[in-house]
Amino acid sequence: MEAILITVSRTRPSRHTGCQRCRIIRLFIMVVAMLVLIGLIAGDKFQFLNFLTAEYIAAAIWIVGGLGFLVKLLFWWIQKRRAVNDPEQA
């Protein structure tokens, strides 16, 4: 019974808060809106940002995603090793 309650509490967010996925989507939409607004207001004043092309942004997303995957894989591997070596987990 206790394990079920822990699982339910993890899937249900606290009152007046959204899930993590919803918060990330909202943050992304706000950042995009701010970039559009800054782009409209600033106009040609940001000429120094011309080197930022779609290819550079895509490469940065791939690199950050790959590094994030490797870090998560490393943590998973460490956690799996600890569970195998820990006699209380069995």
C-alpha atoms as a PDB file:
ATOM      1  CA  MET A   1       0.000   0.000   0.000  1.00  0.00           C
ATOM      2  CA  GLU A   2       2.815   2.395   0.858  1.00  0.00           C
ATOM      3  CA  ALA A   3       4.532   1.879  -2.507  1.00  0.00           C
ATOM      4  CA  ILE A   4       1.317   2.800  -4.308  1.00  0.00           C
ATOM      5  CA  LEU A   5       0.993   6.032  -2.353  1.00  0.00           C
ATOM      6  CA  ILE A   6       4.562   7.013  -3.198  1.00  0.00           C
ATOM      7  CA  THR A   7       3.940   6.358  -6.888  1.00  0.00           C
ATOM      8  CA  VAL A   8       0.689   8.331  -6.899  1.00  0.00           C
ATOM      9  CA  SER A   9       2.319  11.295  -5.167  1.00  0.00           C
ATOM     10  CA  ARG A  10       5.056  11.351  -7.787  1.00  0.00           C
ATOM     11  CA  THR A  11       2.603  11.446 -10.687  1.00  0.00           C
ATOM     12  CA  ARG A  12       0.292  14.062  -9.193  1.00  0.00           C
ATOM     13  CA  PRO A  13       1.735  17.564  -8.949  1.00  0.00           C
ATOM     14  CA  SER A  14       1.249  19.702  -5.863  1.00  0.00           C
ATOM     15  CA  ARG A  15      -1.662  22.045  -5.735  1.00  0.00           C
ATOM     16  CA  HIS A  16      -1.411  25.091  -8.050  1.00  0.00           C
ATOM     17  CA  THR A  17       1.715  23.819  -9.775  1.00  0.00           C
ATOM     18  CA  GLY A  18       2.057  22.221 -13.161  1.00  0.00           C
ATOM     19  CA  CYS A  19       4.031  19.198 -14.071  1.00  0.00           C
ATOM     20  CA  GLN A  20       7.669  19.603 -15.015  1.00  0.00           C
ATOM     21  CA  ARG A  21       6.951  19.088 -18.718  1.00  0.00           C
ATOM     22  CA  CYS A  22       4.316  21.862 -18.675  1.00  0.00           C
ATOM     23  CA  ARG A  23       6.688  24.251 -16.897  1.00  0.00           C
ATOM     24  CA  ILE A  24       9.413  23.574 -19.473  1.00  0.00           C
ATOM     25  CA  ILE A  25       7.006  24.181 -22.362  1.00  0.00           C
ATOM     26  CA  ARG A  26       5.800  27.437 -20.782  1.00  0.00           C
ATOM     27  CA  LEU A  27       9.379  28.594 -20.232  1.00  0.00           C
ATOM     28  CA  PHE A  28      10.267  27.783 -23.848  1.00  0.00           C
ATOM     29  CA  ILE A  29       7.267  29.727 -25.161  1.00  0.00           C
ATOM     30  CA  MET A  30       8.145  32.724 -22.974  1.00  0.00           C
ATOM     31  CA  VAL A  31      11.768  32.704 -24.172  1.00  0.00           C
ATOM     32  CA  VAL A  32      10.701  32.531 -27.822  1.00  0.00           C
ATOM     33  CA  ALA A  33       8.224  35.377 -27.301  1.00  0.00           C
ATOM     34  CA  MET A  34      10.926  37.490 -25.644  1.00  0.00           C
ATOM     35  CA  LEU A  35      13.343  36.826 -28.514  1.00  0.00           C
ATOM     36  CA  VAL A  36      10.719  37.867 -31.058  1.00  0.00           C
ATOM     37  CA  LEU A  37       9.923  40.990 -29.055  1.00  0.00           C
ATOM     38  CA  ILE A  38      13.598  41.918 -28.701  1.00  0.00           C
ATOM     39  CA  GLY A  39      14.115  41.283 -32.411  1.00  0.00           C
ATOM     40  CA  LEU A  40      11.239  43.599 -33.323  1.00  0.00           C
ATOM     41  CA  ILE A  41      12.363  46.343 -30.948  1.00  0.00           C
ATOM     42  CA  ALA A  42      16.094  46.191 -31.631  1.00  0.00           C
ATOM     43  CA  GLY A  43      15.957  45.930 -35.419  1.00  0.00           C
ATOM     44  CA  ASP A  44      19.438  46.265 -36.945  1.00  0.00           C
ATOM     45  CA  LYS A  45      21.183  47.082 -33.666  1.00  0.00           C
ATOM     46  CA  PHE A  46      22.175  43.433 -33.191  1.00  0.00           C
ATOM     47  CA  GLN A  47      24.447  43.072 -36.212  1.00  0.00           C
ATOM     48  CA  PHE A  48      27.065  41.369 -34.052  1.00  0.00           C
ATOM     49  CA  LEU A  49      24.743  38.353 -33.762  1.00  0.00           C
ATOM     50  CA  ASN A  50      24.864  37.637 -37.505  1.00  0.00           C
ATOM     51  CA  PHE A  51      27.262  34.728 -36.932  1.00  0.00           C
ATOM     52  CA  LEU A  52      24.456  32.825 -35.161  1.00  0.00           C
ATOM     53  CA  THR A  53      22.945  30.808 -37.971  1.00  0.00           C
ATOM     54  CA  ALA A  54      20.445  27.970 -37.840  1.00  0.00           C
ATOM     55  CA  GLU A  55      23.275  25.472 -38.374  1.00  0.00           C
ATOM     56  CA  TYR A  56      25.189  26.732 -35.317  1.00  0.00           C
ATOM     57  CA  ILE A  57      22.068  26.638 -33.159  1.00  0.00           C
ATOM     58  CA  ALA A  58      21.219  23.116 -34.354  1.00  0.00           C
ATOM     59  CA  ALA A  59      24.770  21.939 -33.661  1.00  0.00           C
ATOM     60  CA  ALA A  60      24.626  23.433 -30.163  1.00  0.00           C
ATOM     61  CA  ILE A  61      21.324  21.654 -29.474  1.00  0.00           C
ATOM     62  CA  TRP A  62      22.808  18.337 -30.653  1.00  0.00           C
ATOM     63  CA  ILE A  63      25.942  18.797 -28.544  1.00  0.00           C
ATOM     64  CA  VAL A  64      24.040  19.761 -25.385  1.00  0.00           C
ATOM     65  CA  GLY A  65      21.589  16.895 -25.912  1.00  0.00           C
ATOM     66  CA  GLY A  66      24.407  14.410 -26.445  1.00  0.00           C
ATOM     67  CA  LEU A  67      26.246  15.576 -23.339  1.00  0.00           C
ATOM     68  CA  GLY A  68      23.030  15.379 -21.336  1.00  0.00           C
ATOM     69  CA  PHE A  69      22.482  11.832 -22.564  1.00  0.00           C
ATOM     70  CA  LEU A  70      26.006  10.823 -21.598  1.00  0.00           C
ATOM     71  CA  VAL A  71      25.628  12.313 -18.114  1.00  0.00           C
ATOM     72  CA  LYS A  72      22.296  10.521 -17.578  1.00  0.00           C
ATOM     73  CA  LEU A  73      23.810   7.283 -18.857  1.00  0.00           C
ATOM     74  CA  LEU A  74      26.725   7.669 -16.450  1.00  0.00           C
ATOM     75  CA  PHE A  75      24.389   8.290 -13.475  1.00  0.00           C
ATOM     76  CA  TRP A  76      22.250   5.310 -14.470  1.00  0.00           C
ATOM     77  CA  TRP A  77      25.318   3.109 -14.732  1.00  0.00           C
ATOM     78  CA  ILE A  78      26.593   4.236 -11.307  1.00  0.00           C
ATOM     79  CA  GLN A  79      23.168   3.682  -9.723  1.00  0.00           C
ATOM     80  CA  LYS A  80      22.894   0.230 -11.292  1.00  0.00           C
ATOM     81  CA  ARG A  81      26.351  -0.703  -9.984  1.00  0.00           C
ATOM     82  CA  ARG A  82      25.496   0.472  -6.481  1.00  0.00           C
ATOM     83  CA  ALA A  83      22.267  -1.570  -6.511  1.00  0.00           C
ATOM     84  CA  VAL A  84      24.166  -4.706  -7.530  1.00  0.00           C
ATOM     85  CA  ASN A  85      26.851  -4.202  -4.863  1.00  0.00           C
ATOM     86  CA  ASP A  86      24.423  -3.236  -2.083  1.00  0.00           C
ATOM     87  CA  PRO A  87      23.159  -6.361  -0.256  1.00  0.00           C
ATOM     88  CA  GLU A  88      20.216  -4.456   1.299  1.00  0.00           C
ATOM     89  CA  GLN A  89      18.713  -3.757  -2.130  1.00  0.00           C
ATOM     90  CA  ALA A  90      18.253  -7.470  -2.865  1.00  0.00           C
END
